[in-house]
C-alpha atoms as a PDB file:
ATOM      1  CA  UNK A   1       3.199   5.580   5.675  1.00  0.00           C
ATOM      2  CA  UNK A   2       1.492   8.881   5.251  1.00  0.00           C
ATOM      3  CA  UNK A   3       1.728  11.956   7.448  1.00  0.00           C
ATOM      4  CA  UNK A   4       1.367  11.370  11.196  1.00  0.00           C
ATOM      5  CA  UNK A   5      -0.352  13.928  13.325  1.00  0.00           C
ATOM      6  CA  UNK A   6       0.734  12.284  16.564  1.00  0.00           C
ATOM      7  CA  UNK A   7      -2.741  10.844  17.047  1.00  0.00           C
ATOM      8  CA  UNK A   8      -3.258   7.720  19.135  1.00  0.00           C
ATOM      9  CA  UNK A   9      -3.691   4.442  17.300  1.00  0.00           C
ATOM     10  CA  UNK A  10      -7.223   4.201  15.952  1.00  0.00           C
ATOM     11  CA  UNK A  11      -9.285   1.403  17.447  1.00  0.00           C
ATOM     12  CA  UNK A  12     -10.104   0.264  13.908  1.00  0.00           C
ATOM     13  CA  UNK A  13      -6.469  -0.794  13.327  1.00  0.00           C
ATOM     14  CA  UNK A  14      -7.069  -4.067  15.134  1.00  0.00           C
ATOM     15  CA  UNK A  15     -10.037  -4.860  12.898  1.00  0.00           C
ATOM     16  CA  UNK A  16      -9.059  -3.687   9.432  1.00  0.00           C
ATOM     17  CA  UNK A  17     -10.546  -5.615   6.534  1.00  0.00           C
ATOM     18  CA  UNK A  18      -8.152  -8.178   5.083  1.00  0.00           C
ATOM     19  CA  UNK A  19      -8.042  -9.520   1.547  1.00  0.00           C
ATOM     20  CA  UNK A  20      -5.881 -12.058  -0.281  1.00  0.00           C
ATOM     21  CA  UNK A  21      -3.701 -10.817  -3.137  1.00  0.00           C
ATOM     22  CA  UNK A  22      -1.293 -12.562  -5.480  1.00  0.00           C
ATOM     23  CA  UNK A  23       1.526 -11.405  -7.711  1.00  0.00           C
ATOM     24  CA  UNK A  24       3.527 -13.716  -9.969  1.00  0.00           C
ATOM     25  CA  UNK A  25       1.848 -16.653  -8.172  1.00  0.00           C
ATOM     26  CA  UNK A  26       2.988 -15.492  -4.725  1.00  0.00           C
ATOM     27  CA  UNK A  27       0.190 -14.997  -2.210  1.00  0.00           C
ATOM     28  CA  UNK A  28      -0.162 -12.178   0.304  1.00  0.00           C
ATOM     29  CA  UNK A  29      -2.752 -11.359   2.928  1.00  0.00           C
ATOM     30  CA  UNK A  30      -3.127  -7.612   3.319  1.00  0.00           C
ATOM     31  CA  UNK A  31      -4.932  -5.268   5.638  1.00  0.00           C
ATOM     32  CA  UNK A  32      -6.764  -2.605   3.681  1.00  0.00           C
ATOM     33  CA  UNK A  33      -6.314   1.084   4.472  1.00  0.00           C
ATOM     34  CA  UNK A  34      -9.244   2.674   2.633  1.00  0.00           C
ATOM     35  CA  UNK A  35      -9.990   5.808   4.651  1.00  0.00           C
ATOM     36  CA  UNK A  36      -7.962   8.855   5.639  1.00  0.00           C
ATOM     37  CA  UNK A  37      -7.477   7.876   9.294  1.00  0.00           C
ATOM     38  CA  UNK A  38      -6.178   4.394   8.512  1.00  0.00           C
ATOM     39  CA  UNK A  39      -4.082   5.564   5.533  1.00  0.00           C
ATOM     40  CA  UNK A  40      -2.428   8.164   7.783  1.00  0.00           C
ATOM     41  CA  UNK A  41      -1.659   5.530  10.443  1.00  0.00           C
ATOM     42  CA  UNK A  42      -0.547   2.808   8.056  1.00  0.00           C
ATOM     43  CA  UNK A  43       1.959   0.426   9.654  1.00  0.00           C
ATOM     44  CA  UNK A  44       3.290   3.007  12.109  1.00  0.00           C
ATOM     45  CA  UNK A  45       4.252   1.838  15.613  1.00  0.00           C
ATOM     46  CA  UNK A  46       4.178  -1.855  14.709  1.00  0.00           C
ATOM     47  CA  UNK A  47       7.213  -3.928  15.614  1.00  0.00           C
ATOM     48  CA  UNK A  48       6.547  -6.995  13.450  1.00  0.00           C
ATOM     49  CA  UNK A  49       5.009  -7.722  10.067  1.00  0.00           C
ATOM     50  CA  UNK A  50       4.713 -11.465   9.397  1.00  0.00           C
ATOM     51  CA  UNK A  51       6.113 -12.761   6.096  1.00  0.00           C
ATOM     52  CA  UNK A  52       3.607 -12.660   3.223  1.00  0.00           C
ATOM     53  CA  UNK A  53       1.505 -10.047   5.017  1.00  0.00           C
ATOM     54  CA  UNK A  54       1.218  -6.387   4.196  1.00  0.00           C
ATOM     55  CA  UNK A  55      -0.997  -3.342   3.858  1.00  0.00           C
ATOM     56  CA  UNK A  56      -2.846  -2.141   0.791  1.00  0.00           C
ATOM     57  CA  UNK A  57      -3.527   1.588   0.629  1.00  0.00           C
ATOM     58  CA  UNK A  58      -6.564   2.412  -1.517  1.00  0.00           C
ATOM     59  CA  UNK A  59      -6.625   6.058  -2.584  1.00  0.00           C
ATOM     60  CA  UNK A  60      -9.674   8.075  -3.644  1.00  0.00           C
ATOM     61  CA  UNK A  61      -7.842   9.749  -6.485  1.00  0.00           C
ATOM     62  CA  UNK A  62      -5.334   8.483  -9.016  1.00  0.00           C
ATOM     63  CA  UNK A  63      -2.381  10.752  -8.242  1.00  0.00           C
ATOM     64  CA  UNK A  64       1.375  10.697  -7.671  1.00  0.00           C
ATOM     65  CA  UNK A  65       1.081   9.563  -4.050  1.00  0.00           C
ATOM     66  CA  UNK A  66       4.152   9.331  -1.804  1.00  0.00           C
ATOM     67  CA  UNK A  67       4.909   7.347   1.343  1.00  0.00           C
ATOM     68  CA  UNK A  68       7.327   7.880   4.224  1.00  0.00           C
ATOM     69  CA  UNK A  69       8.430   6.013   7.332  1.00  0.00           C
ATOM     70  CA  UNK A  70       8.016   8.344  10.300  1.00  0.00           C
ATOM     71  CA  UNK A  71       7.204   6.296  13.437  1.00  0.00           C
ATOM     72  CA  UNK A  72       7.639   3.054  11.493  1.00  0.00           C
ATOM     73  CA  UNK A  73       9.928   0.378  12.961  1.00  0.00           C
ATOM     74  CA  UNK A  74       9.833  -2.196  10.151  1.00  0.00           C
ATOM     75  CA  UNK A  75      11.926  -1.820   6.967  1.00  0.00           C
ATOM     76  CA  UNK A  76       9.366  -1.877   4.158  1.00  0.00           C
ATOM     77  CA  UNK A  77       9.126  -1.996   0.392  1.00  0.00           C
ATOM     78  CA  UNK A  78       6.247  -0.205  -1.312  1.00  0.00           C
ATOM     79  CA  UNK A  79       4.854  -0.949  -4.757  1.00  0.00           C
ATOM     80  CA  UNK A  80       2.709   1.714  -6.377  1.00  0.00           C
ATOM     81  CA  UNK A  81      -0.038   0.287  -8.592  1.00  0.00           C
ATOM     82  CA  UNK A  82      -2.202   1.771 -11.312  1.00  0.00           C
ATOM     83  CA  UNK A  83      -5.995   1.310 -11.483  1.00  0.00           C
ATOM     84  CA  UNK A  84      -5.580  -2.074 -13.190  1.00  0.00           C
ATOM     85  CA  UNK A  85      -3.189  -3.338 -10.494  1.00  0.00           C
ATOM     86  CA  UNK A  86      -0.057  -3.089 -12.631  1.00  0.00           C
ATOM     87  CA  UNK A  87       3.049  -2.226 -10.608  1.00  0.00           C
ATOM     88  CA  UNK A  88       4.392   1.209 -11.549  1.00  0.00           C
ATOM     89  CA  UNK A  89       7.485   1.239  -9.336  1.00  0.00           C
ATOM     90  CA  UNK A  90       8.850  -0.368  -6.168  1.00  0.00           C
ATOM     91  CA  UNK A  91      10.755   1.567  -3.508  1.00  0.00           C
ATOM     92  CA  UNK A  92      12.637   0.340  -0.418  1.00  0.00           C
ATOM     93  CA  UNK A  93      12.060   2.474   2.675  1.00  0.00           C
ATOM     94  CA  UNK A  94      14.167   2.784   5.836  1.00  0.00           C
ATOM     95  CA  UNK A  95      12.509   2.917   9.268  1.00  0.00           C
ATOM     96  CA  UNK A  96      12.172   6.220  11.125  1.00  0.00           C
ATOM     97  CA  UNK A  97      12.926   8.434   8.133  1.00  0.00           C
ATOM     98  CA  UNK A  98      11.047  11.316   6.600  1.00  0.00           C
ATOM     99  CA  UNK A  99      12.356  10.642   3.091  1.00  0.00           C
ATOM    100  CA  UNK A 100       9.465  10.591   0.657  1.00  0.00           C
ATOM    101  CA  UNK A 101       9.081   7.674  -1.716  1.00  0.00           C
ATOM    102  CA  UNK A 102       6.813   8.764  -4.599  1.00  0.00           C
ATOM    103  CA  UNK A 103       4.949   6.904  -7.283  1.00  0.00           C
ATOM    104  CA  UNK A 104       6.728   7.304 -10.629  1.00  0.00           C
ATOM    105  CA  UNK A 105       3.372   8.188 -12.202  1.00  0.00           C
ATOM    106  CA  UNK A 106      -0.238   8.470 -10.981  1.00  0.00           C
ATOM    107  CA  UNK A 107      -1.256   5.518  -8.794  1.00  0.00           C
ATOM    108  CA  UNK A 108      -4.519   4.206  -7.330  1.00  0.00           C
ATOM    109  CA  UNK A 109      -2.926   1.844  -4.790  1.00  0.00           C
ATOM    110  CA  UNK A 110       0.207   1.380  -2.712  1.00  0.00           C
ATOM    111  CA  UNK A 111       1.185  -2.046  -1.395  1.00  0.00           C
ATOM    112  CA  UNK A 112       3.587  -2.199   1.580  1.00  0.00           C
ATOM    113  CA  UNK A 113       5.363  -5.430   2.539  1.00  0.00           C
ATOM    114  CA  UNK A 114       8.528  -6.389   4.391  1.00  0.00           C
ATOM    115  CA  UNK A 115      11.568  -4.956   2.660  1.00  0.00           C
ATOM    116  CA  UNK A 116      12.902  -7.367   0.071  1.00  0.00           C
ATOM    117  CA  UNK A 117       9.654  -9.351  -0.327  1.00  0.00           C
ATOM    118  CA  UNK A 118       9.243  -8.260  -3.953  1.00  0.00           C
ATOM    119  CA  UNK A 119      12.911  -8.802  -4.841  1.00  0.00           C
ATOM    120  CA  UNK A 120      13.086 -12.304  -3.322  1.00  0.00           C
ATOM    121  CA  UNK A 121      10.183 -13.328  -5.537  1.00  0.00           C
ATOM    122  CA  UNK A 122      11.336 -11.617  -8.725  1.00  0.00           C
ATOM    123  CA  UNK A 123       8.393  -9.196  -8.656  1.00  0.00           C
ATOM    124  CA  UNK A 124       9.075  -6.138 -10.812  1.00  0.00           C
ATOM    125  CA  UNK A 125       7.342  -3.110 -12.305  1.00  0.00           C
ATOM    126  CA  UNK A 126       4.978  -4.081 -15.104  1.00  0.00           C
ATOM    127  CA  UNK A 127       3.675  -7.155 -13.261  1.00  0.00           C
ATOM    128  CA  UNK A 128       0.049  -7.279 -12.147  1.00  0.00           C
ATOM    129  CA  UNK A 129      -1.257  -7.698  -8.594  1.00  0.00           C
ATOM    130  CA  UNK A 130      -4.346  -9.939  -8.607  1.00  0.00           C
ATOM    131  CA  UNK A 131      -7.273  -9.643  -6.192  1.00  0.00           C
ATOM    132  CA  UNK A 132      -7.651  -5.859  -5.943  1.00  0.00           C
ATOM    133  CA  UNK A 133     -11.344  -6.143  -6.834  1.00  0.00           C
ATOM    134  CA  UNK A 134     -11.861  -7.505  -3.293  1.00  0.00           C
ATOM    135  CA  UNK A 135     -10.647  -4.235  -1.721  1.00  0.00           C
ATOM    136  CA  UNK A 136     -13.278  -1.886  -0.340  1.00  0.00           C
ATOM    137  CA  UNK A 137     -13.489   1.435  -2.155  1.00  0.00           C
ATOM    138  CA  UNK A 138     -11.594   4.438  -0.799  1.00  0.00           C
ATOM    139  CA  UNK A 139     -13.486   6.774   1.504  1.00  0.00           C
END
């Protein structure tokens, strides 16, 4: 998650665009967070994230982005991806913490899933996430 300003949930959260992704043959359906308001909200305040679902954060700039878990109930893993969709690093994140989890180098995307999803499937840095071309551009 990104910084929370204590704002109410945006109405758009219920209707975020969704796209299919795949990594190492494993399929995911992800909601896309492509603008500041949705990126700031992320998966905050949700109690459940179904298996093989997640959120893709699309950033305007390729930078060393970082995520945190304030107001987030679900243990998550985040993979930072470069512009080609190659996984840079994967970090496990604990709920309700303000610890920052940064990209190891500049990233264009962050992919959040249930904690352990990547590990259970043998997904590691250097592997490519397929389907990113379906994501709307960052605003």
